Amino acid sequence: MRNLLIGSVFIILAAFSFGQKLQHETGAVNIEVPVRVFKGETFIDNLSIKDFKIYENGVLQKIEAVYLISKTNINKEESVLPADEARKTYTPQVNRHYVLVFEVLDYLPKMGEAIDHFFRNVMTAEDTLTLMTPRKSYNFKKDALKNLPRDAIVQQVIGLLKKDTTLANTEYKAMVKEIEQLYTQTGVFQWETGDWKNFIRDILSRLESYRFVDEKKLLAFSDFLKSKRGQKNVFLFFQKEMIPKYNPYMEILMTSMTNPEKPDAALDFLELTTFYRRDITFDVEKIKQYFSDSSIQTHFLYLTKTPEIGLDVERRETLSKSNVHYVEQSEDIFSAFSEVAKATGGFSSSSANTVSAFQKAVDASENYYLLYYSPKDYKEDGTFRNIEVRVKEGGYRVTHRAGYLAK
């Protein structure tokens, strides 16, 4: 994503900076854990400090304060410390930072509806917003909501997303169609030249590089958000990826019958059809730990709406006769980011209904408890400390970040 100034509402992503853990004036480390408790889909808002237990690396910790937050309001607070001391020690940051990431191949009208819902029902003048399209990153200007009608803002955001999605994915879609054409135009009597294999392998390599997930950028993104005081919510919209695949078995049979001297020639196709894989190019456990340490609640919205690849009736018939079909190639991405969402206490969904999935994720993020504790025998040894929060009774579903890095 290139950083360019654009529009009257958005500016480029700021330079990265780094934040640290909260500390008492005496030097003791305070760990803040946002916690959400559900019965079915309903958030439970009547719990007290006595209802919670928190463990670090399996060791029970003493909870020193609990705050109940709704949107940006502190509705209830409890502490084992005297009130004056508690207010000095714990200052819950309830301001909100939103990041909307669109890793999509097509602009879908439902995305526009989700954006409209966000600006009409979620975003306030006190919140910050970063928009990341398939092409660029933008920061929302703080005075935009005061100076522009929300309708105008929504239309500008949708326009940016449409334009960037189209520009970013034109080359990608062209490569996908080129693979399809090579598969359909390559016949059994052209195999001896060997050129087609190099053509396909080159395109597949470029395609894999184009869809590369950069671990360094993910870690830098985590550090950038860690520096933000307040509640951080990332909504990742990821669209199902489709790729043409060739079924070699019919050709293997035909080759064996028509060219007895080279019965295994078509097996080369099998090698190429398995060459392109969207392998995870980052350490999932490392990303889970960094995002959890930065207290970034990540919501993964996997859009099952198939990307538009322009298959008319004639092309479908051509593909069918050539043993070519489109298959999904994003299962590993779905698995990886679902794990990240779970490790950060976020929401994960697989749905064709973008608006419904987004609304559920937003609703799940708006209400939460903030738990505070000072770890026993804390040492800055760089290890990841696992956190487990339990509610004493009720059969509730509890979500929270998985832990933090002691550094």
Protein backbone atom coordinates (compact mmCIF):
# COMPACT_ATOMS: atom_id res chain seq x y z
CA MET A 1 0.00 0.00 0.00
CA ARG A 2 1.48 3.32 -1.07
CA ASN A 3 1.11 6.34 1.19
CA LEU A 4 -0.38 9.20 -0.82
CA LEU A 5 -2.44 12.20 0.30
CA ILE A 6 -6.01 11.93 -0.94
CA GLY A 7 -9.43 13.50 -0.40
CA SER A 8 -10.78 15.93 2.18
CA VAL A 9 -11.74 13.31 4.77
CA PHE A 10 -8.73 11.00 4.91
CA ILE A 11 -4.97 11.35 5.27
CA ILE A 12 -2.19 8.75 5.20
CA LEU A 13 -1.32 6.43 8.06
CA ALA A 14 0.99 8.09 10.57
CA ALA A 15 4.49 6.87 11.41
CA PHE A 16 4.72 3.96 13.79
CA SER A 17 5.46 4.55 17.49
CA PHE A 18 5.65 2.31 20.50
CA GLY A 19 3.83 2.02 23.82
CA GLN A 20 4.46 0.33 27.15
CA LYS A 21 2.45 -1.35 29.89
CA LEU A 22 0.65 0.65 32.57
CA GLN A 23 2.55 1.01 35.83
CA HIS A 24 1.90 2.21 39.35
CA GLU A 25 3.96 5.14 40.56
CA THR A 26 5.70 2.59 42.79
CA GLY A 27 6.82 0.64 39.71
CA ALA A 28 4.38 -2.28 39.96
CA VAL A 29 3.02 -3.46 36.61
CA ASN A 30 -0.73 -3.31 36.01
CA ILE A 31 -2.20 -5.68 33.44
CA GLU A 32 -5.44 -4.56 31.82
CA VAL A 33 -7.69 -7.26 30.35
CA PRO A 34 -10.84 -6.38 28.38
CA VAL A 35 -13.33 -9.21 29.00
CA ARG A 36 -16.70 -9.98 27.43
CA VAL A 37 -19.17 -12.39 28.99
CA PHE A 38 -22.09 -13.82 27.03
CA LYS A 39 -25.06 -16.08 27.61
CA GLY A 40 -25.80 -17.22 24.09
CA GLU A 41 -25.57 -13.96 22.12
CA THR A 42 -26.52 -11.74 25.08
CA PHE A 43 -23.87 -9.73 26.91
CA ILE A 44 -24.04 -10.19 30.72
CA ASP A 45 -23.79 -6.81 32.46
CA ASN A 46 -24.53 -7.61 36.11
CA LEU A 47 -21.28 -9.25 37.25
CA SER A 48 -19.16 -8.01 40.13
CA ILE A 49 -15.47 -8.28 41.00
CA LYS A 50 -16.26 -11.38 43.08
CA ASP A 51 -17.64 -13.21 40.04
CA PHE A 52 -14.31 -13.22 38.19
CA LYS A 53 -11.16 -15.29 38.55
CA ILE A 54 -8.03 -14.56 36.56
CA TYR A 55 -4.99 -16.80 36.04
CA GLU A 56 -1.58 -16.03 34.63
CA ASN A 57 0.33 -19.09 33.42
CA GLY A 58 -2.05 -21.16 35.52
CA VAL A 59 -1.44 -19.19 38.73
CA LEU A 60 -4.45 -17.48 40.34
CA GLN A 61 -4.02 -13.69 40.53
CA LYS A 62 -5.65 -11.07 42.72
CA ILE A 63 -8.08 -8.89 40.76
CA GLU A 64 -7.68 -5.34 42.01
CA ALA A 65 -10.31 -3.50 39.98
CA VAL A 66 -13.18 -4.14 37.56
CA TYR A 67 -14.93 -1.57 35.38
CA LEU A 68 -18.07 -2.15 33.30
CA ILE A 69 -17.95 -0.24 30.01
CA SER A 70 -20.70 0.41 27.48
CA LYS A 71 -19.43 2.14 24.34
CA THR A 72 -17.39 4.95 25.98
CA ASN A 73 -19.26 5.12 29.30
CA ILE A 74 -18.07 3.65 32.60
CA ASN A 75 -21.29 2.24 34.05
CA LYS A 76 -19.86 0.56 37.14
CA GLU A 77 -16.54 0.35 38.96
CA GLU A 78 -15.23 -1.79 41.81
CA SER A 79 -11.82 -2.01 43.42
CA VAL A 80 -10.12 -3.61 46.41
CA LEU A 81 -8.28 -0.30 46.89
CA PRO A 82 -9.73 2.82 48.53
CA ALA A 83 -11.65 4.93 46.03
CA ASP A 84 -9.11 7.78 45.86
CA GLU A 85 -6.19 5.39 45.40
CA ALA A 86 -8.08 3.36 42.80
CA ARG A 87 -8.78 6.46 40.69
CA LYS A 88 -5.07 7.36 40.76
CA THR A 89 -3.92 3.84 39.99
CA TYR A 90 -6.43 2.81 37.33
CA THR A 91 -7.59 5.22 34.67
CA PRO A 92 -9.54 3.20 32.12
CA GLN A 93 -9.05 4.54 28.61
CA VAL A 94 -12.46 4.15 26.98
CA ASN A 95 -11.75 6.14 23.81
CA ARG A 96 -11.99 3.94 20.73
CA HIS A 97 -9.70 3.32 17.77
CA TYR A 98 -11.22 1.56 14.77
CA VAL A 99 -9.41 -0.02 11.83
CA LEU A 100 -11.43 -1.27 8.86
CA VAL A 101 -9.34 -3.53 6.62
CA PHE A 102 -10.76 -4.61 3.25
CA GLU A 103 -8.76 -7.50 1.78
CA VAL A 104 -11.25 -8.11 -1.01
CA LEU A 105 -11.24 -8.87 -4.73
CA ASP A 106 -14.54 -7.15 -5.58
CA TYR A 107 -16.49 -4.28 -4.16
CA LEU A 108 -19.83 -5.64 -2.94
CA PRO A 109 -22.90 -3.45 -2.29
CA LYS A 110 -23.19 -5.02 1.18
CA MET A 111 -19.80 -3.46 2.02
CA GLY A 112 -21.36 -0.06 1.36
CA GLU A 113 -24.22 -0.93 3.70
CA ALA A 114 -21.71 -1.93 6.38
CA ILE A 115 -19.86 1.38 5.98
CA ASP A 116 -23.16 3.26 6.17
CA HIS A 117 -24.08 1.39 9.38
CA PHE A 118 -20.69 2.18 10.88
CA PHE A 119 -20.90 5.93 10.35
CA ARG A 120 -24.56 6.22 11.32
CA ASN A 121 -24.58 3.96 14.39
CA VAL A 122 -21.03 3.42 15.64
CA MET A 123 -18.53 6.15 14.79
CA THR A 124 -18.49 9.25 17.02
CA ALA A 125 -16.50 12.47 16.87
CA GLU A 126 -14.29 11.18 19.72
CA ASP A 127 -13.32 7.96 17.89
CA THR A 128 -10.42 7.51 15.49
CA LEU A 129 -10.59 5.50 12.29
CA THR A 130 -8.07 4.03 9.90
CA LEU A 131 -9.32 2.66 6.58
CA MET A 132 -7.15 0.13 4.74
CA THR A 133 -8.22 -0.73 1.19
CA PRO A 134 -6.48 -3.30 -1.06
CA ARG A 135 -4.34 -0.40 -2.29
CA LYS A 136 -3.81 2.27 0.37
CA SER A 137 -4.19 3.29 4.02
CA TYR A 138 -6.04 6.39 5.23
CA ASN A 139 -6.62 8.07 8.59
CA PHE A 140 -9.96 9.74 9.25
CA LYS A 141 -9.73 13.45 10.00
CA LYS A 142 -11.00 14.19 13.50
CA ASP A 143 -13.06 17.21 12.46
CA ALA A 144 -14.75 15.46 9.50
CA LEU A 145 -17.89 14.49 11.42
CA LYS A 146 -18.31 18.11 12.55
CA ASN A 147 -17.76 19.67 9.14
CA LEU A 148 -19.38 17.22 6.71
CA PRO A 149 -22.78 15.49 6.57
CA ARG A 150 -22.57 11.78 7.29
CA ASP A 151 -24.14 11.00 3.91
CA ALA A 152 -21.26 12.81 2.18
CA ILE A 153 -18.67 10.97 4.29
CA VAL A 154 -20.25 7.57 3.57
CA GLN A 155 -20.30 8.25 -0.16
CA GLN A 156 -16.67 9.36 -0.16
CA VAL A 157 -15.54 6.27 1.77
CA ILE A 158 -17.49 3.97 -0.55
CA GLY A 159 -15.99 5.77 -3.55
CA LEU A 160 -12.45 5.25 -2.19
CA LEU A 161 -13.09 1.57 -1.54
CA LYS A 162 -14.60 1.00 -4.99
CA LYS A 163 -11.77 2.75 -6.79
CA ASP A 164 -8.93 1.17 -4.81
CA THR A 165 -10.43 -2.32 -5.04
CA THR A 166 -10.77 -2.06 -8.81
CA LEU A 167 -7.28 -0.64 -9.34
CA ALA A 168 -5.57 -3.05 -6.96
CA ASN A 169 -7.13 -6.21 -8.35
CA THR A 170 -7.11 -5.58 -12.10
CA GLU A 171 -3.70 -7.23 -12.50
CA TYR A 172 -4.60 -10.08 -10.17
CA LYS A 173 -7.78 -10.93 -12.05
CA ALA A 174 -5.93 -10.70 -15.37
CA MET A 175 -3.42 -13.29 -14.13
CA VAL A 176 -6.22 -15.61 -12.99
CA LYS A 177 -7.86 -15.43 -16.42
CA GLU A 178 -4.50 -15.99 -18.10
CA ILE A 179 -4.05 -19.22 -16.14
CA GLU A 180 -7.53 -20.29 -17.16
CA GLN A 181 -6.79 -19.58 -20.83
CA LEU A 182 -3.50 -21.47 -20.73
CA TYR A 183 -5.21 -24.49 -19.22
CA THR A 184 -8.00 -24.47 -21.80
CA GLN A 185 -5.71 -23.83 -24.78
CA THR A 186 -3.07 -26.41 -23.89
CA GLY A 187 -3.70 -29.76 -25.56
CA VAL A 188 -2.09 -33.16 -25.24
CA PHE A 189 -0.22 -32.74 -28.52
CA GLN A 190 1.60 -29.58 -27.34
CA TRP A 191 3.27 -31.10 -24.32
CA GLU A 192 6.58 -31.94 -25.94
CA THR A 193 7.50 -28.23 -26.30
CA GLY A 194 7.46 -27.76 -22.54
CA ASP A 195 6.90 -23.98 -22.89
CA TRP A 196 3.40 -24.08 -21.44
CA LYS A 197 4.76 -25.40 -18.12
CA ASN A 198 7.12 -22.43 -17.77
CA PHE A 199 4.34 -20.00 -18.68
CA ILE A 200 1.97 -21.41 -16.07
CA ARG A 201 4.63 -21.67 -13.40
CA ASP A 202 5.66 -18.04 -13.95
CA ILE A 203 2.09 -16.78 -13.64
CA LEU A 204 1.44 -18.88 -10.55
CA SER A 205 4.60 -17.52 -8.93
CA ARG A 206 3.55 -13.94 -9.63
CA LEU A 207 0.07 -14.67 -8.34
CA GLU A 208 1.44 -16.10 -5.10
CA SER A 209 3.71 -13.07 -4.67
CA TYR A 210 0.79 -10.72 -5.32
CA ARG A 211 -1.26 -12.28 -2.50
CA PHE A 212 1.67 -12.43 -0.06
CA VAL A 213 0.94 -11.65 3.61
CA ASP A 214 3.91 -9.75 5.05
CA GLU A 215 4.75 -10.68 8.65
CA LYS A 216 6.89 -7.56 9.20
CA LYS A 217 3.97 -5.32 8.25
CA LEU A 218 1.66 -7.20 10.60
CA LEU A 219 4.12 -6.75 13.47
CA ALA A 220 4.60 -3.05 12.65
CA PHE A 221 0.82 -2.67 12.54
CA SER A 222 0.62 -4.30 15.97
CA ASP A 223 3.26 -1.94 17.39
CA PHE A 224 1.48 1.09 15.90
CA LEU A 225 -1.80 0.17 17.59
CA LYS A 226 -0.06 -0.73 20.85
CA SER A 227 0.97 2.91 21.15
CA LYS A 228 -2.68 3.95 21.13
CA ARG A 229 -4.24 4.37 24.57
CA GLY A 230 -7.80 3.09 24.57
CA GLN A 231 -9.78 0.26 23.03
CA LYS A 232 -8.57 -0.96 19.64
CA ASN A 233 -10.88 -2.80 17.26
CA VAL A 234 -9.75 -4.17 13.91
CA PHE A 235 -12.38 -5.45 11.47
CA LEU A 236 -10.81 -7.53 8.71
CA PHE A 237 -13.08 -8.11 5.71
CA PHE A 238 -11.57 -10.97 3.70
CA GLN A 239 -13.17 -12.26 0.52
CA LYS A 240 -13.03 -15.89 -0.56
CA GLU A 241 -10.30 -16.40 -3.16
CA MET A 242 -10.92 -18.57 -6.23
CA ILE A 243 -8.35 -19.96 -8.66
CA PRO A 244 -8.69 -22.09 -11.82
CA LYS A 245 -7.62 -25.70 -11.33
CA TYR A 246 -6.96 -28.33 -13.95
CA ASN A 247 -8.16 -31.91 -13.43
CA PRO A 248 -5.44 -34.02 -15.05
CA TYR A 249 -6.94 -37.46 -14.67
CA MET A 250 -8.93 -37.45 -17.90
CA GLU A 251 -5.88 -36.21 -19.80
CA ILE A 252 -3.73 -38.89 -18.19
CA LEU A 253 -6.11 -41.50 -19.50
CA MET A 254 -6.18 -39.91 -22.97
CA THR A 255 -2.38 -39.68 -23.13
CA SER A 256 -1.97 -43.31 -22.15
CA MET A 257 -4.30 -44.25 -24.97
CA THR A 258 -2.96 -41.89 -27.67
CA ASN A 259 0.75 -41.89 -26.80
CA PRO A 260 1.81 -45.24 -25.31
CA GLU A 261 5.46 -44.15 -25.25
CA LYS A 262 4.76 -41.33 -22.77
CA PRO A 263 1.97 -42.63 -20.51
CA ASP A 264 2.94 -40.37 -17.60
CA ALA A 265 3.32 -37.11 -19.52
CA ALA A 266 0.11 -35.64 -18.13
CA LEU A 267 1.35 -36.12 -14.59
CA ASP A 268 3.23 -32.85 -15.14
CA PHE A 269 -0.16 -31.17 -14.99
CA LEU A 270 -0.74 -32.62 -11.53
CA GLU A 271 2.47 -31.02 -10.31
CA LEU A 272 1.39 -27.61 -11.61
CA THR A 273 -2.13 -27.81 -10.29
CA THR A 274 -0.74 -28.25 -6.77
CA PHE A 275 2.01 -25.64 -7.21
CA TYR A 276 -0.17 -22.66 -6.32
CA ARG A 277 -1.09 -22.80 -2.66
CA ARG A 278 -1.88 -19.86 -0.44
CA ASP A 279 0.57 -21.02 2.18
CA ILE A 280 0.73 -19.00 5.36
CA THR A 281 3.74 -16.71 5.00
CA PHE A 282 3.82 -15.59 8.61
CA ASP A 283 4.20 -17.17 12.03
CA VAL A 284 0.61 -17.46 13.25
CA GLU A 285 1.59 -18.01 16.90
CA LYS A 286 3.86 -14.96 16.84
CA ILE A 287 1.13 -12.74 15.34
CA LYS A 288 -1.38 -14.04 17.91
CA GLN A 289 1.00 -13.14 20.74
CA TYR A 290 1.82 -9.67 19.39
CA PHE A 291 -1.77 -8.74 18.68
CA SER A 292 -2.81 -10.06 22.09
CA ASP A 293 0.02 -8.15 23.79
CA SER A 294 -1.11 -4.95 22.03
CA SER A 295 -4.69 -5.60 23.22
CA ILE A 296 -5.99 -5.38 19.66
CA GLN A 297 -9.42 -6.95 19.43
CA THR A 298 -9.42 -8.45 15.95
CA HIS A 299 -12.67 -9.35 14.22
CA PHE A 300 -12.30 -11.62 11.18
CA LEU A 301 -15.18 -11.38 8.70
CA TYR A 302 -14.73 -14.02 6.00
CA LEU A 303 -16.95 -13.14 3.04
CA THR A 304 -18.10 -16.27 1.27
CA LYS A 305 -19.52 -14.36 -1.69
CA THR A 306 -17.60 -15.74 -4.69
CA PRO A 307 -15.50 -13.10 -6.49
CA GLU A 308 -16.79 -12.04 -9.90
CA ILE A 309 -14.71 -13.81 -12.54
CA GLY A 310 -16.98 -13.12 -15.49
CA LEU A 311 -17.88 -16.66 -16.46
CA ASP A 312 -20.51 -16.50 -19.18
CA VAL A 313 -22.25 -19.62 -20.51
CA GLU A 314 -19.76 -20.10 -23.35
CA ARG A 315 -16.75 -19.88 -21.05
CA ARG A 316 -18.32 -22.28 -18.56
CA GLU A 317 -18.79 -24.84 -21.34
CA THR A 318 -15.20 -24.34 -22.53
CA LEU A 319 -13.85 -24.85 -19.02
CA SER A 320 -15.99 -27.94 -18.49
CA LYS A 321 -14.76 -29.55 -21.71
CA SER A 322 -11.16 -28.73 -20.77
CA ASN A 323 -11.40 -30.25 -17.28
CA VAL A 324 -10.86 -26.84 -15.67
CA HIS A 325 -12.84 -25.59 -12.68
CA TYR A 326 -12.55 -22.86 -10.05
CA VAL A 327 -11.75 -23.86 -6.45
CA GLU A 328 -11.24 -21.98 -3.21
CA GLN A 329 -7.66 -21.16 -2.22
CA SER A 330 -8.04 -19.32 1.07
CA GLU A 331 -8.75 -22.05 3.62
CA ASP A 332 -5.43 -21.54 5.38
CA ILE A 333 -5.96 -17.77 5.64
CA PHE A 334 -9.39 -18.40 7.14
CA SER A 335 -7.87 -20.74 9.73
CA ALA A 336 -4.98 -18.40 10.61
CA PHE A 337 -6.99 -15.22 11.10
CA SER A 338 -9.76 -17.05 12.92
CA GLU A 339 -7.08 -18.08 15.43
CA VAL A 340 -5.87 -14.46 15.69
CA ALA A 341 -9.44 -13.29 16.32
CA LYS A 342 -9.91 -15.87 19.08
CA ALA A 343 -6.55 -15.01 20.70
CA THR A 344 -7.50 -11.34 20.89
CA GLY A 345 -11.02 -11.89 22.22
CA GLY A 346 -12.53 -10.91 18.89
CA PHE A 347 -15.38 -12.10 16.70
CA SER A 348 -14.97 -14.50 13.78
CA SER A 349 -17.60 -15.12 11.12
CA SER A 350 -17.99 -16.86 7.78
CA SER A 351 -20.93 -15.37 5.91
CA ALA A 352 -22.20 -14.07 2.58
CA ASN A 353 -24.06 -11.32 4.47
CA THR A 354 -21.42 -8.65 5.08
CA VAL A 355 -23.76 -6.30 6.94
CA SER A 356 -25.09 -8.90 9.37
CA ALA A 357 -21.60 -10.21 10.18
CA PHE A 358 -20.28 -6.68 10.71
CA GLN A 359 -23.18 -5.69 12.96
CA LYS A 360 -22.64 -8.76 15.14
CA ALA A 361 -18.93 -8.00 15.43
CA VAL A 362 -19.62 -4.35 16.34
CA ASP A 363 -22.27 -5.32 18.90
CA ALA A 364 -19.85 -7.81 20.46
CA SER A 365 -17.21 -5.09 20.83
CA GLU A 366 -19.35 -2.31 22.36
CA ASN A 367 -19.80 -3.76 25.87
CA TYR A 368 -17.04 -5.17 28.05
CA TYR A 369 -15.42 -5.35 31.47
CA LEU A 370 -11.92 -4.06 32.19
CA LEU A 371 -10.09 -6.24 34.74
CA TYR A 372 -6.86 -5.10 36.38
CA TYR A 373 -4.28 -7.11 38.30
CA SER A 374 -0.59 -6.91 39.24
CA PRO A 375 1.17 -10.18 38.33
CA LYS A 376 2.84 -12.15 41.07
CA ASP A 377 6.62 -12.47 40.67
CA TYR A 378 6.67 -10.34 37.50
CA LYS A 379 9.94 -10.39 35.50
CA GLU A 380 10.74 -8.69 32.21
CA ASP A 381 12.05 -11.87 30.60
CA GLY A 382 10.43 -11.45 27.17
CA THR A 383 8.20 -14.51 27.55
CA PHE A 384 4.54 -14.65 26.66
CA ARG A 385 2.33 -14.89 29.75
CA ASN A 386 -0.94 -16.73 29.18
CA ILE A 387 -4.09 -15.21 30.68
CA GLU A 388 -7.26 -17.13 31.50
CA VAL A 389 -10.38 -15.43 32.84
CA ARG A 390 -13.17 -17.48 34.39
CA VAL A 391 -16.60 -16.56 35.66
CA LYS A 392 -17.43 -18.52 38.80
CA GLU A 393 -20.80 -19.84 37.68
CA GLY A 394 -23.51 -19.46 35.06
CA GLY A 395 -22.22 -21.41 32.07
CA TYR A 396 -21.17 -18.22 30.31
CA ARG A 397 -19.01 -17.77 27.22
CA VAL A 398 -16.01 -15.62 28.10
CA THR A 399 -13.75 -13.91 25.55
CA HIS A 400 -10.54 -11.95 26.22
CA ARG A 401 -7.00 -11.54 24.97
CA ALA A 402 -4.79 -14.60 25.37
CA GLY A 403 -1.96 -12.88 27.23
CA TYR A 404 0.92 -10.41 27.03
CA LEU A 405 4.66 -10.25 26.45
CA ALA A 406 6.68 -9.53 29.59
CA LYS A 407 9.05 -6.94 28.18
